[in-house]
Amino acid sequence: MEANGCHWIFHQLFSAAVDVLRRIGEDGRVTQEFIELGAKGKVAASEGMDTEAALGDIPDEFLDPIQYTFMKDPVILPSSIITVDRPVIQRHLLSDNSDPFNRSHLTADMLYQQ
């Protein structure tokens, strides 16, 4: 999906959510915090797209194989010997203590720097 389409969908979803919060009578402070969160998300998405545009095509060896995003902190999984981005694998480990490529036991302290 092209960037303009993503921005439009993002805006539509947050606008609809704010409407729902107002209709159900949610506290105005909560609604305002949600609006501010949406604004921060929009900026972050825009910055991410700017980075991607500036970098151009990134070689596959620099992309995380789980989320296919640029790796900023690559680590190696000890049993599958696959390089992934540390924040991505740490998020995975919050719900599943296994290597996503071969299902062997894995904890954050077992990761090692590339």
C-alpha atoms as a PDB file:
ATOM      1  CA  MET A   1       0.000   0.000   0.000  1.00  0.00           C
ATOM      2  CA  GLU A   2       1.435   3.393  -0.873  1.00  0.00           C
ATOM      3  CA  ALA A   3       2.306   5.908   1.827  1.00  0.00           C
ATOM      4  CA  ASN A   4      -0.665   8.216   1.229  1.00  0.00           C
ATOM      5  CA  GLY A   5      -3.049   5.275   1.608  1.00  0.00           C
ATOM      6  CA  CYS A   6      -1.469   4.310   4.931  1.00  0.00           C
ATOM      7  CA  HIS A   7      -1.737   7.868   6.253  1.00  0.00           C
ATOM      8  CA  TRP A   8      -5.385   8.042   5.206  1.00  0.00           C
ATOM      9  CA  ILE A   9      -6.250   4.737   6.909  1.00  0.00           C
ATOM     10  CA  PHE A  10      -4.336   5.752  10.059  1.00  0.00           C
ATOM     11  CA  HIS A  11      -6.204   9.077  10.197  1.00  0.00           C
ATOM     12  CA  GLN A  12      -9.573   7.399   9.590  1.00  0.00           C
ATOM     13  CA  LEU A  13      -9.026   4.784  12.323  1.00  0.00           C
ATOM     14  CA  PHE A  14      -7.963   7.311  14.939  1.00  0.00           C
ATOM     15  CA  SER A  15     -10.812   9.667  14.022  1.00  0.00           C
ATOM     16  CA  ALA A  16     -13.315   6.812  14.344  1.00  0.00           C
ATOM     17  CA  ALA A  17     -11.849   5.778  17.699  1.00  0.00           C
ATOM     18  CA  VAL A  18     -12.085   9.353  19.028  1.00  0.00           C
ATOM     19  CA  ASP A  19     -15.726   9.483  17.905  1.00  0.00           C
ATOM     20  CA  VAL A  20     -16.427   6.246  19.785  1.00  0.00           C
ATOM     21  CA  LEU A  21     -14.719   7.564  22.935  1.00  0.00           C
ATOM     22  CA  ARG A  22     -16.871  10.699  22.808  1.00  0.00           C
ATOM     23  CA  ARG A  23     -20.084   8.735  22.150  1.00  0.00           C
ATOM     24  CA  ILE A  24     -19.548   6.406  25.091  1.00  0.00           C
ATOM     25  CA  GLY A  25     -18.916   9.410  27.332  1.00  0.00           C
ATOM     26  CA  GLU A  26     -15.273   8.696  28.066  1.00  0.00           C
ATOM     27  CA  ASP A  27     -13.495  11.243  30.242  1.00  0.00           C
ATOM     28  CA  GLY A  28     -12.325  14.205  28.123  1.00  0.00           C
ATOM     29  CA  ARG A  29      -8.797  13.820  29.462  1.00  0.00           C
ATOM     30  CA  VAL A  30      -8.604  10.229  28.171  1.00  0.00           C
ATOM     31  CA  THR A  31      -9.949  11.320  24.779  1.00  0.00           C
ATOM     32  CA  GLN A  32      -7.372  14.120  24.606  1.00  0.00           C
ATOM     33  CA  GLU A  33      -4.551  11.703  25.506  1.00  0.00           C
ATOM     34  CA  PHE A  34      -5.755   9.393  22.744  1.00  0.00           C
ATOM     35  CA  ILE A  35      -5.755  12.278  20.236  1.00  0.00           C
ATOM     36  CA  GLU A  36      -2.196  13.161  21.300  1.00  0.00           C
ATOM     37  CA  LEU A  37      -1.165   9.509  20.908  1.00  0.00           C
ATOM     38  CA  GLY A  38      -2.553   9.549  17.378  1.00  0.00           C
ATOM     39  CA  ALA A  39      -0.563  12.685  16.572  1.00  0.00           C
ATOM     40  CA  LYS A  40       2.630  11.085  17.901  1.00  0.00           C
ATOM     41  CA  GLY A  41       1.932   7.946  15.870  1.00  0.00           C
ATOM     42  CA  LYS A  42       1.412  10.000  12.731  1.00  0.00           C
ATOM     43  CA  VAL A  43       4.758  11.773  13.257  1.00  0.00           C
ATOM     44  CA  ALA A  44       6.547   8.484  13.951  1.00  0.00           C
ATOM     45  CA  ALA A  45       5.083   6.884  10.824  1.00  0.00           C
ATOM     46  CA  SER A  46       6.096   9.891   8.759  1.00  0.00           C
ATOM     47  CA  GLU A  47       9.644   9.821  10.148  1.00  0.00           C
ATOM     48  CA  GLY A  48       9.862   6.093   9.424  1.00  0.00           C
ATOM     49  CA  MET A  49       8.829   6.649   5.827  1.00  0.00           C
ATOM     50  CA  ASP A  50      11.309   9.531   5.515  1.00  0.00           C
ATOM     51  CA  THR A  51      14.101   7.250   6.738  1.00  0.00           C
ATOM     52  CA  GLU A  52      13.063   4.553   4.298  1.00  0.00           C
ATOM     53  CA  ALA A  53      12.970   7.033   1.425  1.00  0.00           C
ATOM     54  CA  ALA A  54      16.404   8.395   2.377  1.00  0.00           C
ATOM     55  CA  LEU A  55      17.976   4.943   2.632  1.00  0.00           C
ATOM     56  CA  GLY A  56      16.439   3.586  -0.549  1.00  0.00           C
ATOM     57  CA  ASP A  57      16.513  -0.163  -1.082  1.00  0.00           C
ATOM     58  CA  ILE A  58      18.123  -1.820   1.915  1.00  0.00           C
ATOM     59  CA  PRO A  59      20.015  -5.081   1.234  1.00  0.00           C
ATOM     60  CA  ASP A  60      18.215  -8.098   2.712  1.00  0.00           C
ATOM     61  CA  GLU A  61      21.087  -8.937   5.077  1.00  0.00           C
ATOM     62  CA  PHE A  62      20.362  -5.682   6.949  1.00  0.00           C
ATOM     63  CA  LEU A  63      16.653  -6.443   7.350  1.00  0.00           C
ATOM     64  CA  ASP A  64      15.183  -8.283  10.306  1.00  0.00           C
ATOM     65  CA  PRO A  65      13.792 -11.610   9.009  1.00  0.00           C
ATOM     66  CA  ILE A  66      10.782 -11.466  11.372  1.00  0.00           C
ATOM     67  CA  GLN A  67       9.444  -7.971  10.647  1.00  0.00           C
ATOM     68  CA  TYR A  68      11.510  -7.145   7.547  1.00  0.00           C
ATOM     69  CA  THR A  69      12.619  -3.827   9.041  1.00  0.00           C
ATOM     70  CA  PHE A  70      16.100  -2.289   9.144  1.00  0.00           C
ATOM     71  CA  MET A  71      18.092  -3.799  12.043  1.00  0.00           C
ATOM     72  CA  LYS A  72      19.519  -1.180  14.393  1.00  0.00           C
ATOM     73  CA  ASP A  73      20.721  -3.623  17.081  1.00  0.00           C
ATOM     74  CA  PRO A  74      21.390  -7.001  15.427  1.00  0.00           C
ATOM     75  CA  VAL A  75      21.825 -10.062  17.631  1.00  0.00           C
ATOM     76  CA  ILE A  76      22.291 -13.733  16.808  1.00  0.00           C
ATOM     77  CA  LEU A  77      19.918 -16.448  18.020  1.00  0.00           C
ATOM     78  CA  PRO A  78      22.149 -19.183  19.463  1.00  0.00           C
ATOM     79  CA  SER A  79      20.367 -22.299  18.223  1.00  0.00           C
ATOM     80  CA  SER A  80      19.252 -21.227  14.730  1.00  0.00           C
ATOM     81  CA  ILE A  81      22.254 -18.898  14.172  1.00  0.00           C
ATOM     82  CA  ILE A  82      19.949 -16.331  12.552  1.00  0.00           C
ATOM     83  CA  THR A  83      20.526 -12.601  12.976  1.00  0.00           C
ATOM     84  CA  VAL A  84      17.509 -10.556  14.115  1.00  0.00           C
ATOM     85  CA  ASP A  85      16.928  -7.100  15.571  1.00  0.00           C
ATOM     86  CA  ARG A  86      17.116  -7.135  19.395  1.00  0.00           C
ATOM     87  CA  PRO A  87      13.868  -5.164  20.020  1.00  0.00           C
ATOM     88  CA  VAL A  88      11.957  -7.479  17.676  1.00  0.00           C
ATOM     89  CA  ILE A  89      13.117 -10.700  19.350  1.00  0.00           C
ATOM     90  CA  GLN A  90      12.656  -9.213  22.819  1.00  0.00           C
ATOM     91  CA  ARG A  91       9.037  -8.410  21.952  1.00  0.00           C
ATOM     92  CA  HIS A  92       8.591 -12.002  20.730  1.00  0.00           C
ATOM     93  CA  LEU A  93      10.098 -13.342  23.972  1.00  0.00           C
ATOM     94  CA  LEU A  94       7.484 -11.514  26.046  1.00  0.00           C
ATOM     95  CA  SER A  95       4.918 -14.056  24.904  1.00  0.00           C
ATOM     96  CA  ASP A  96       6.992 -17.061  23.802  1.00  0.00           C
ATOM     97  CA  ASN A  97      10.345 -18.233  25.195  1.00  0.00           C
ATOM     98  CA  SER A  98      11.399 -20.011  22.034  1.00  0.00           C
ATOM     99  CA  ASP A  99      13.433 -19.325  18.925  1.00  0.00           C
ATOM    100  CA  PRO A 100      10.840 -18.409  16.266  1.00  0.00           C
ATOM    101  CA  PHE A 101      12.802 -20.312  13.611  1.00  0.00           C
ATOM    102  CA  ASN A 102      13.248 -23.709  15.270  1.00  0.00           C
ATOM    103  CA  ARG A 103      11.181 -23.506  18.504  1.00  0.00           C
ATOM    104  CA  SER A 104      14.143 -24.292  20.813  1.00  0.00           C
ATOM    105  CA  HIS A 105      14.245 -22.656  24.235  1.00  0.00           C
ATOM    106  CA  LEU A 106      15.404 -19.024  24.122  1.00  0.00           C
ATOM    107  CA  THR A 107      15.734 -16.227  26.652  1.00  0.00           C
ATOM    108  CA  ALA A 108      17.018 -12.652  26.225  1.00  0.00           C
ATOM    109  CA  ASP A 109      20.262 -13.391  28.059  1.00  0.00           C
ATOM    110  CA  MET A 110      21.090 -16.103  25.481  1.00  0.00           C
ATOM    111  CA  LEU A 111      21.251 -13.572  22.604  1.00  0.00           C
ATOM    112  CA  TYR A 112      24.672 -12.464  21.493  1.00  0.00           C
ATOM    113  CA  GLN A 113      25.901  -9.418  19.611  1.00  0.00           C
ATOM    114  CA  GLN A 114      26.839  -9.868  15.985  1.00  0.00           C
END
